[in-house]
Amino acid sequence: MLVAVDTGGTKTLVASFLEDGRIGEQFKFPTPPSTSEWTKELREVLETHFGNETVEAIVVAMPGIVRNGVAVWCNNLKWANFDVESALKGVLGDAPLFIENDANLAGLAETRQLKEIPALSLYVTVSTGIGSGIITEGKINPELRYSEVGRSLVEFDGAVREWETFASGKAIYKAYGKYARDITSKRAWHQIADRISRGFLAIIPVLQPDVIIIGGSIGTYFERYGKDLVGILKEHMPAHIPTPKFVQAKHPELAVIYGCYYYALDALATA
């Protein structure tokens, strides 16, 4: 059995994976404001539900940069330099513990589920903030695993701003006073496509990915703005740089959990 933990800005999801790759039990709890409360609650969930099981590995996804088991900065939770590995050490006996960025894991899962694995895929989650996972040949790129495309500096509304400050789900709600599910205006969705395009216009010429996978809460509604987004990119992209293929995430709500599963398989295979 493998155990996956998706630490979100509002909730934490814990799930098990059976030997055949199917998701087993799932448990959720609101993500507490402090790291100590989160550690206490997660330990209780893991020990209560999996303490008597044979667990081969635990993978914990964190919503921010992770270096050597430490969550250096989780923007939406305002957690800094949180040593996750030490906090959870020994939680399920000798089960190895792996800590990784959530968008990297989501990108890993969504790339592995494509019909063909591209040389370079870019996963972008547009939800509370904007996160990214850069995947090369079906693996998290080790040199670019700390990239934060949502913090890219681009022009919008006459000022240079971080991309996620005007194109994330949080920013879209602030601009329109509605959640994405309630926005039906074609004009509004064209404007949202323009907001989202600004970051891609800066990123695509640098990375030149074969495929871009859109996930997160805004990714769920890709059909409402995807055509406009691709049209804007094709209009402004330099002629010699192709516009990548865009696809919608297959599991926008569970991509991180599936990513934990694939990450554990890879880690155990090379251990």
Protein backbone atom coordinates (compact mmCIF):
# COMPACT_ATOMS: atom_id res chain seq x y z
CA MET A 1 0.00 0.00 0.00
CA LEU A 2 1.11 3.55 -0.79
CA VAL A 3 -0.18 6.60 1.09
CA ALA A 4 -0.54 10.04 -0.54
CA VAL A 5 -1.09 13.37 1.19
CA ASP A 6 -2.20 16.47 -0.72
CA THR A 7 -1.78 19.56 1.47
CA GLY A 8 -4.01 22.29 0.06
CA GLY A 9 -4.62 25.87 1.03
CA THR A 10 -8.01 25.01 2.51
CA LYS A 11 -8.07 21.22 2.93
CA THR A 12 -5.69 18.29 3.25
CA LEU A 13 -6.57 15.07 1.45
CA VAL A 14 -5.09 11.72 2.49
CA ALA A 15 -5.55 8.70 0.24
CA SER A 16 -4.23 5.16 -0.05
CA PHE A 17 -3.34 3.32 -3.23
CA LEU A 18 -3.79 -0.40 -3.63
CA GLU A 19 -1.30 -2.64 -5.44
CA ASP A 20 -3.20 -2.38 -8.72
CA GLY A 21 -3.01 1.44 -8.68
CA ARG A 22 -6.60 2.04 -7.61
CA ILE A 23 -7.35 4.66 -4.98
CA GLY A 24 -8.48 3.08 -1.73
CA GLU A 25 -9.68 5.01 1.31
CA GLN A 26 -9.76 8.80 1.33
CA PHE A 27 -9.84 11.18 4.29
CA LYS A 28 -10.06 14.96 4.38
CA PHE A 29 -9.59 17.61 7.04
CA PRO A 30 -9.42 21.42 6.88
CA THR A 31 -5.79 22.55 6.62
CA PRO A 32 -5.07 24.29 9.94
CA PRO A 33 -3.35 27.70 9.99
CA SER A 34 -0.26 26.48 11.83
CA THR A 35 2.28 23.79 10.95
CA SER A 36 2.09 22.26 14.43
CA GLU A 37 -1.68 21.78 14.20
CA TRP A 38 -1.36 20.32 10.69
CA THR A 39 1.34 17.91 11.85
CA LYS A 40 -0.74 16.76 14.82
CA GLU A 41 -3.88 16.21 12.77
CA LEU A 42 -2.10 14.45 9.91
CA ARG A 43 -0.25 12.13 12.29
CA GLU A 44 -3.55 11.20 13.92
CA VAL A 45 -5.15 10.41 10.54
CA LEU A 46 -2.19 8.35 9.35
CA GLU A 47 -1.79 6.41 12.60
CA THR A 48 -5.52 5.79 13.05
CA HIS A 49 -6.23 4.56 9.53
CA PHE A 50 -2.92 3.07 8.39
CA GLY A 51 -1.07 2.25 11.60
CA ASN A 52 -1.83 -1.45 11.29
CA GLU A 53 -1.28 -1.66 7.52
CA THR A 54 1.87 -2.48 5.56
CA VAL A 55 2.77 0.87 4.00
CA GLU A 56 5.57 0.87 1.42
CA ALA A 57 5.91 4.65 1.18
CA ILE A 58 4.30 7.96 2.10
CA VAL A 59 4.41 10.91 -0.31
CA VAL A 60 3.45 14.33 1.02
CA ALA A 61 2.65 17.14 -1.41
CA MET A 62 3.22 20.71 -0.22
CA PRO A 63 1.87 23.88 -1.90
CA GLY A 64 5.24 25.57 -2.27
CA ILE A 65 8.94 25.14 -2.87
CA VAL A 66 10.38 22.02 -1.22
CA ARG A 67 14.12 21.51 -0.71
CA ASN A 68 15.51 18.48 1.12
CA GLY A 69 12.24 17.78 2.92
CA VAL A 70 11.73 21.40 3.96
CA ALA A 71 8.83 23.50 2.69
CA VAL A 72 10.78 26.69 2.13
CA TRP A 73 7.76 28.85 1.38
CA CYS A 74 4.06 28.05 0.98
CA ASN A 75 2.57 31.31 -0.23
CA ASN A 76 -1.13 30.72 0.37
CA LEU A 77 -0.57 29.16 3.81
CA LYS A 78 2.21 31.61 4.78
CA TRP A 79 4.32 28.71 6.02
CA ALA A 80 8.07 29.24 5.82
CA ASN A 81 11.02 26.88 6.41
CA PHE A 82 8.77 24.09 7.65
CA ASP A 83 10.79 20.89 8.09
CA VAL A 84 8.07 18.48 7.00
CA GLU A 85 10.37 15.48 6.93
CA SER A 86 11.41 15.92 10.57
CA ALA A 87 7.85 16.69 11.68
CA LEU A 88 6.52 13.43 10.23
CA LYS A 89 9.55 11.21 10.79
CA GLY A 90 8.60 7.70 11.90
CA VAL A 91 4.88 8.36 11.58
CA LEU A 92 4.24 4.90 10.11
CA GLY A 93 7.28 3.06 11.37
CA ASP A 94 9.90 2.40 8.72
CA ALA A 95 7.81 3.52 5.75
CA PRO A 96 10.00 5.89 3.66
CA LEU A 97 8.74 9.46 3.50
CA PHE A 98 9.00 11.66 0.39
CA ILE A 99 8.15 15.38 0.27
CA GLU A 100 7.54 17.22 -3.03
CA ASN A 101 5.86 20.29 -4.49
CA ASP A 102 2.20 19.70 -5.33
CA ALA A 103 2.27 21.15 -8.85
CA ASN A 104 5.32 19.05 -9.75
CA LEU A 105 3.42 15.96 -8.64
CA ALA A 106 0.26 16.95 -10.51
CA GLY A 107 2.32 17.55 -13.64
CA LEU A 108 3.94 14.14 -13.24
CA ALA A 109 0.56 12.41 -13.00
CA GLU A 110 -1.08 14.27 -15.88
CA THR A 111 1.92 13.72 -18.15
CA ARG A 112 2.07 10.00 -17.39
CA GLN A 113 -1.58 9.71 -18.38
CA LEU A 114 -1.12 11.22 -21.84
CA LYS A 115 -1.28 8.77 -24.76
CA GLU A 116 2.33 9.61 -25.64
CA ILE A 117 4.92 10.97 -23.21
CA PRO A 118 6.28 14.25 -24.67
CA ALA A 119 9.89 15.35 -24.43
CA LEU A 120 8.77 18.37 -22.39
CA SER A 121 5.39 19.07 -20.86
CA LEU A 122 4.35 22.03 -18.74
CA TYR A 123 1.61 21.55 -16.19
CA VAL A 124 -0.02 24.76 -14.95
CA THR A 125 -2.59 24.77 -12.18
CA VAL A 126 -4.75 27.88 -12.07
CA SER A 127 -6.58 27.88 -8.77
CA THR A 128 -6.08 29.98 -5.62
CA GLY A 129 -2.66 30.82 -7.07
CA ILE A 130 -0.81 29.63 -10.16
CA GLY A 131 1.61 26.72 -9.84
CA SER A 132 3.62 24.72 -12.32
CA GLY A 133 5.31 21.40 -12.92
CA ILE A 134 7.93 21.00 -15.65
CA ILE A 135 8.19 17.39 -16.79
CA THR A 136 10.86 16.02 -19.12
CA GLU A 137 10.54 12.53 -20.58
CA GLY A 138 7.88 11.70 -17.99
CA LYS A 139 9.95 12.75 -14.96
CA ILE A 140 9.98 15.88 -12.79
CA ASN A 141 12.79 18.01 -14.20
CA PRO A 142 15.42 18.17 -11.42
CA GLU A 143 16.92 21.47 -12.60
CA LEU A 144 13.56 23.22 -12.92
CA ARG A 145 11.68 21.65 -9.99
CA TYR A 146 11.85 24.91 -8.02
CA SER A 147 10.33 27.02 -10.80
CA GLU A 148 7.35 29.17 -9.91
CA VAL A 149 5.72 30.38 -13.09
CA GLY A 150 2.95 32.06 -11.12
CA ARG A 151 5.52 34.52 -9.81
CA SER A 152 6.66 35.45 -13.34
CA LEU A 153 6.76 39.20 -13.84
CA VAL A 154 4.65 40.34 -16.79
CA GLU A 155 2.79 43.46 -17.88
CA PHE A 156 -0.92 43.77 -17.16
CA ASP A 157 -3.12 46.85 -16.96
CA GLY A 158 -0.18 49.19 -17.33
CA ALA A 159 1.99 47.71 -14.60
CA VAL A 160 4.54 44.90 -14.21
CA ARG A 161 3.01 42.36 -11.87
CA GLU A 162 3.30 38.74 -10.80
CA TRP A 163 1.19 36.60 -13.13
CA GLU A 164 -0.88 35.00 -10.37
CA THR A 165 -1.87 38.39 -8.91
CA PHE A 166 -4.21 39.02 -11.86
CA ALA A 167 -4.81 35.61 -13.51
CA SER A 168 -5.35 33.15 -10.63
CA GLY A 169 -8.74 31.93 -9.47
CA LYS A 170 -8.48 34.26 -6.49
CA ALA A 171 -7.75 37.22 -8.77
CA ILE A 172 -10.57 36.31 -11.14
CA TYR A 173 -13.05 36.15 -8.26
CA LYS A 174 -11.86 39.55 -7.07
CA ALA A 175 -12.22 41.05 -10.57
CA TYR A 176 -15.65 39.62 -11.42
CA GLY A 177 -17.21 38.99 -8.01
CA LYS A 178 -18.03 35.43 -9.06
CA TYR A 179 -16.48 32.00 -8.96
CA ALA A 180 -15.52 30.54 -12.33
CA ARG A 181 -18.48 28.16 -12.28
CA ASP A 182 -20.85 31.16 -12.21
CA ILE A 183 -19.24 33.20 -14.99
CA THR A 184 -21.25 32.73 -18.20
CA SER A 185 -20.40 35.89 -20.14
CA LYS A 186 -18.34 35.18 -23.29
CA ARG A 187 -16.84 38.65 -22.99
CA ALA A 188 -15.70 37.93 -19.44
CA TRP A 189 -14.13 34.63 -20.46
CA HIS A 190 -12.30 36.34 -23.34
CA GLN A 191 -10.90 38.82 -20.82
CA ILE A 192 -9.88 35.92 -18.57
CA ALA A 193 -8.18 34.24 -21.54
CA ASP A 194 -6.23 37.47 -22.07
CA ARG A 195 -5.16 37.53 -18.42
CA ILE A 196 -3.98 33.93 -18.58
CA SER A 197 -2.21 34.47 -21.92
CA ARG A 198 0.17 37.10 -20.47
CA GLY A 199 2.14 34.59 -18.46
CA PHE A 200 2.23 32.03 -21.26
CA LEU A 201 3.54 34.62 -23.72
CA ALA A 202 6.55 35.05 -21.44
CA ILE A 203 7.05 31.38 -20.57
CA ILE A 204 6.51 29.55 -23.87
CA PRO A 205 9.45 31.13 -25.76
CA VAL A 206 11.78 30.14 -22.90
CA LEU A 207 10.64 26.54 -22.31
CA GLN A 208 9.02 25.72 -25.67
CA PRO A 209 7.05 22.78 -24.26
CA ASP A 210 5.42 20.22 -26.53
CA VAL A 211 2.26 20.11 -24.42
CA ILE A 212 0.73 22.43 -21.83
CA ILE A 213 -1.71 20.83 -19.39
CA ILE A 214 -4.15 23.14 -17.63
CA GLY A 215 -5.40 22.08 -14.20
CA GLY A 216 -6.82 23.59 -11.03
CA SER A 217 -10.25 25.11 -10.47
CA ILE A 218 -9.96 27.42 -13.51
CA GLY A 219 -8.63 24.52 -15.54
CA THR A 220 -11.93 22.76 -14.93
CA TYR A 221 -13.61 25.35 -17.17
CA PHE A 222 -11.01 25.27 -19.95
CA GLU A 223 -13.67 24.73 -22.61
CA ARG A 224 -15.03 28.22 -21.83
CA TYR A 225 -11.80 30.07 -22.66
CA GLY A 226 -9.39 27.59 -24.25
CA LYS A 227 -10.13 28.56 -27.88
CA ASP A 228 -9.69 32.26 -27.09
CA LEU A 229 -6.47 31.57 -25.18
CA VAL A 230 -4.88 29.62 -28.02
CA GLY A 231 -6.00 32.29 -30.49
CA ILE A 232 -4.36 35.07 -28.49
CA LEU A 233 -1.13 33.08 -28.19
CA LYS A 234 -0.99 32.33 -31.91
CA GLU A 235 -1.59 36.00 -32.70
CA HIS A 236 1.29 37.23 -30.53
CA MET A 237 3.80 34.38 -30.55
CA PRO A 238 6.92 34.88 -32.71
CA ALA A 239 6.46 33.12 -36.06
CA HIS A 240 9.31 30.67 -35.50
CA ILE A 241 8.03 29.51 -32.10
CA PRO A 242 5.10 27.09 -32.33
CA THR A 243 2.15 27.39 -29.98
CA PRO A 244 2.12 24.19 -27.88
CA LYS A 245 -0.77 21.80 -27.78
CA PHE A 246 -3.10 22.61 -24.86
CA VAL A 247 -5.00 19.89 -23.01
CA GLN A 248 -7.24 19.93 -19.97
CA ALA A 249 -6.14 17.96 -16.93
CA LYS A 250 -7.88 14.59 -16.69
CA HIS A 251 -8.06 14.68 -12.90
CA PRO A 252 -8.12 18.35 -11.87
CA GLU A 253 -9.11 17.51 -8.29
CA LEU A 254 -6.99 14.37 -7.83
CA ALA A 255 -3.94 15.08 -10.01
CA VAL A 256 -1.72 15.70 -6.98
CA ILE A 257 -2.81 12.46 -5.33
CA TYR A 258 -2.10 10.47 -8.49
CA GLY A 259 1.23 12.26 -8.74
CA CYS A 260 2.14 11.03 -5.27
CA TYR A 261 1.47 7.51 -6.49
CA TYR A 262 3.72 7.79 -9.56
CA TYR A 263 6.42 9.52 -7.52
CA ALA A 264 6.42 6.70 -4.97
CA LEU A 265 6.69 4.06 -7.69
CA ASP A 266 9.69 5.85 -9.23
CA ALA A 267 11.39 6.41 -5.86
CA LEU A 268 10.95 2.81 -4.75
CA ALA A 269 12.18 1.49 -8.11
CA THR A 270 15.46 3.39 -7.75
CA ALA A 271 15.93 2.85 -4.01
